[in-house]
Amino acid sequence: MKYDYYVVAVPGDCADTLAELADVAINEARERARLYAIPAEWLAVVIRGEIGDCNVTFRVRRKRR
């Protein structure tokens, strides 16, 4: 298994729940990825911030084979 990590900041007011913000962060990380890999598992974890903040920072992990 190989792991790739991305730090992504998204506006805290672009979604209503933390799960929706995590989806936005994962989509941003997918766009940044140089290598397009299928299958891949994505996971986003909040580093800093909460809903309604100016920016919410996520650490996004991609697990691929």
N, C-alpha and C. Protein backbone atom coordinates (compact mmCIF):
# COMPACT_ATOMS: atom_id res chain seq x y z
N MET A 1 0.84 -1.19 0.00
CA MET A 1 0.00 0.00 0.00
C MET A 1 0.88 1.25 0.00
N LYS A 2 0.43 2.24 -0.67
CA LYS A 2 1.09 3.55 -0.69
C LYS A 2 0.12 4.58 -0.14
N TYR A 3 0.67 5.56 0.56
CA TYR A 3 -0.13 6.62 1.14
C TYR A 3 0.36 7.96 0.63
N ASP A 4 -0.58 8.83 0.28
CA ASP A 4 -0.28 10.21 -0.10
C ASP A 4 -1.07 11.11 0.83
N TYR A 5 -0.44 12.21 1.24
CA TYR A 5 -1.09 13.13 2.18
C TYR A 5 -1.16 14.52 1.58
N TYR A 6 -2.25 15.20 1.83
CA TYR A 6 -2.48 16.56 1.36
C TYR A 6 -3.03 17.38 2.52
N VAL A 7 -2.59 18.62 2.64
CA VAL A 7 -3.17 19.55 3.60
C VAL A 7 -4.00 20.53 2.80
N VAL A 8 -5.30 20.57 3.11
CA VAL A 8 -6.25 21.35 2.33
C VAL A 8 -7.02 22.28 3.26
N ALA A 9 -7.12 23.55 2.90
CA ALA A 9 -7.93 24.51 3.63
C ALA A 9 -9.15 24.86 2.79
N VAL A 10 -10.34 24.73 3.37
CA VAL A 10 -11.58 25.06 2.68
C VAL A 10 -12.34 26.09 3.49
N PRO A 11 -13.14 26.94 2.85
CA PRO A 11 -13.95 27.90 3.59
C PRO A 11 -14.95 27.19 4.51
N GLY A 12 -15.03 27.64 5.74
CA GLY A 12 -15.89 26.99 6.72
C GLY A 12 -17.36 27.20 6.50
N ASP A 13 -17.72 28.14 5.60
CA ASP A 13 -19.13 28.42 5.38
C ASP A 13 -19.65 27.86 4.05
N CYS A 14 -18.87 26.98 3.41
CA CYS A 14 -19.30 26.44 2.11
C CYS A 14 -20.14 25.17 2.27
N ALA A 15 -20.34 24.69 3.51
CA ALA A 15 -21.15 23.49 3.74
C ALA A 15 -21.80 23.60 5.12
N ASP A 16 -22.80 22.75 5.34
CA ASP A 16 -23.55 22.81 6.59
C ASP A 16 -23.03 21.85 7.66
N THR A 17 -22.35 20.79 7.27
CA THR A 17 -21.84 19.81 8.24
C THR A 17 -20.36 19.58 8.00
N LEU A 18 -19.72 19.00 9.00
CA LEU A 18 -18.30 18.69 8.88
C LEU A 18 -18.06 17.62 7.83
N ALA A 19 -18.99 16.69 7.69
CA ALA A 19 -18.85 15.64 6.68
C ALA A 19 -18.87 16.24 5.27
N GLU A 20 -19.72 17.23 5.05
CA GLU A 20 -19.77 17.89 3.74
C GLU A 20 -18.48 18.67 3.49
N LEU A 21 -17.94 19.31 4.53
CA LEU A 21 -16.66 20.01 4.38
C LEU A 21 -15.54 19.02 4.06
N ALA A 22 -15.57 17.85 4.67
CA ALA A 22 -14.57 16.82 4.39
C ALA A 22 -14.66 16.38 2.93
N ASP A 23 -15.88 16.26 2.41
CA ASP A 23 -16.05 15.90 0.99
C ASP A 23 -15.44 16.96 0.08
N VAL A 24 -15.62 18.22 0.43
CA VAL A 24 -15.04 19.32 -0.35
C VAL A 24 -13.51 19.23 -0.31
N ALA A 25 -12.96 18.93 0.87
CA ALA A 25 -11.51 18.81 1.02
C ALA A 25 -10.98 17.63 0.20
N ILE A 26 -11.70 16.52 0.19
CA ILE A 26 -11.27 15.36 -0.59
C ILE A 26 -11.30 15.67 -2.08
N ASN A 27 -12.32 16.36 -2.53
CA ASN A 27 -12.39 16.74 -3.94
C ASN A 27 -11.23 17.66 -4.32
N GLU A 28 -10.87 18.59 -3.43
CA GLU A 28 -9.74 19.48 -3.68
C GLU A 28 -8.44 18.68 -3.76
N ALA A 29 -8.27 17.70 -2.89
CA ALA A 29 -7.07 16.87 -2.91
C ALA A 29 -7.01 16.02 -4.18
N ARG A 30 -8.16 15.54 -4.64
CA ARG A 30 -8.18 14.77 -5.89
C ARG A 30 -7.71 15.61 -7.06
N GLU A 31 -8.08 16.89 -7.07
CA GLU A 31 -7.64 17.77 -8.15
C GLU A 31 -6.15 18.05 -8.08
N ARG A 32 -5.58 18.06 -6.88
CA ARG A 32 -4.15 18.32 -6.71
C ARG A 32 -3.28 17.11 -7.03
N ALA A 33 -3.85 15.93 -6.96
CA ALA A 33 -3.07 14.70 -7.12
C ALA A 33 -2.46 14.64 -8.53
N ARG A 34 -1.18 14.34 -8.58
CA ARG A 34 -0.51 14.22 -9.87
C ARG A 34 -0.80 12.88 -10.53
N LEU A 35 -0.95 11.86 -9.71
CA LEU A 35 -1.18 10.52 -10.20
C LEU A 35 -2.63 10.14 -9.94
N TYR A 36 -3.35 9.78 -10.99
CA TYR A 36 -4.74 9.38 -10.86
C TYR A 36 -4.77 7.88 -10.65
N ALA A 37 -5.20 7.44 -9.46
CA ALA A 37 -5.16 6.03 -9.11
C ALA A 37 -6.55 5.52 -8.75
N ILE A 38 -6.90 4.38 -9.34
CA ILE A 38 -8.15 3.70 -8.99
C ILE A 38 -7.79 2.25 -8.72
N PRO A 39 -8.19 1.62 -7.69
CA PRO A 39 -9.00 2.14 -6.59
C PRO A 39 -8.15 2.91 -5.59
N ALA A 40 -8.77 3.83 -4.92
CA ALA A 40 -8.12 4.61 -3.87
C ALA A 40 -9.14 4.91 -2.78
N GLU A 41 -8.67 4.88 -1.55
CA GLU A 41 -9.53 5.24 -0.42
C GLU A 41 -9.08 6.60 0.10
N TRP A 42 -10.05 7.48 0.32
CA TRP A 42 -9.77 8.83 0.77
C TRP A 42 -10.32 9.02 2.18
N LEU A 43 -9.57 9.75 3.01
CA LEU A 43 -9.99 10.04 4.37
C LEU A 43 -9.55 11.46 4.71
N ALA A 44 -10.47 12.26 5.25
CA ALA A 44 -10.15 13.63 5.64
C ALA A 44 -10.36 13.79 7.15
N VAL A 45 -9.35 14.37 7.80
CA VAL A 45 -9.39 14.59 9.24
C VAL A 45 -9.16 16.08 9.50
N VAL A 46 -9.97 16.66 10.36
CA VAL A 46 -9.84 18.09 10.68
C VAL A 46 -8.57 18.32 11.48
N ILE A 47 -7.77 19.28 11.04
CA ILE A 47 -6.58 19.69 11.78
C ILE A 47 -6.91 20.94 12.60
N ARG A 48 -7.57 21.91 11.96
CA ARG A 48 -7.81 23.18 12.61
C ARG A 48 -9.11 23.78 12.08
N GLY A 49 -9.92 24.32 12.99
CA GLY A 49 -11.12 25.04 12.60
C GLY A 49 -12.38 24.24 12.83
N GLU A 50 -13.50 24.90 12.56
CA GLU A 50 -14.82 24.28 12.68
C GLU A 50 -15.77 24.99 11.72
N ILE A 51 -16.98 24.48 11.63
CA ILE A 51 -17.96 25.06 10.70
C ILE A 51 -18.19 26.52 11.04
N GLY A 52 -18.19 27.35 10.03
CA GLY A 52 -18.41 28.78 10.20
C GLY A 52 -17.13 29.59 10.29
N ASP A 53 -15.99 28.94 10.50
CA ASP A 53 -14.72 29.66 10.53
C ASP A 53 -14.36 30.12 9.13
N CYS A 54 -13.42 31.03 9.06
CA CYS A 54 -12.96 31.52 7.76
C CYS A 54 -12.39 30.37 6.94
N ASN A 55 -11.52 29.58 7.54
CA ASN A 55 -10.93 28.41 6.88
C ASN A 55 -10.93 27.23 7.84
N VAL A 56 -11.21 26.06 7.31
CA VAL A 56 -11.09 24.81 8.06
C VAL A 56 -10.02 24.00 7.35
N THR A 57 -9.02 23.57 8.10
CA THR A 57 -7.90 22.85 7.53
C THR A 57 -8.06 21.36 7.77
N PHE A 58 -7.88 20.59 6.70
CA PHE A 58 -8.00 19.13 6.75
C PHE A 58 -6.69 18.50 6.34
N ARG A 59 -6.42 17.34 6.90
CA ARG A 59 -5.34 16.48 6.40
C ARG A 59 -6.04 15.34 5.65
N VAL A 60 -5.81 15.26 4.36
CA VAL A 60 -6.46 14.27 3.52
C VAL A 60 -5.46 13.18 3.18
N ARG A 61 -5.87 11.94 3.38
CA ARG A 61 -5.01 10.79 3.09
C ARG A 61 -5.61 9.97 1.97
N ARG A 62 -4.76 9.62 1.01
CA ARG A 62 -5.17 8.72 -0.07
C ARG A 62 -4.40 7.43 0.09
N LYS A 63 -5.11 6.31 0.16
CA LYS A 63 -4.48 5.00 0.23
C LYS A 63 -4.68 4.32 -1.11
N ARG A 64 -3.57 3.90 -1.73
CA ARG A 64 -3.66 3.27 -3.04
C ARG A 64 -2.73 2.07 -3.09
N ARG A 65 -2.95 1.24 -4.08
CA ARG A 65 -2.11 0.05 -4.26
C ARG A 65 -1.01 0.29 -5.25
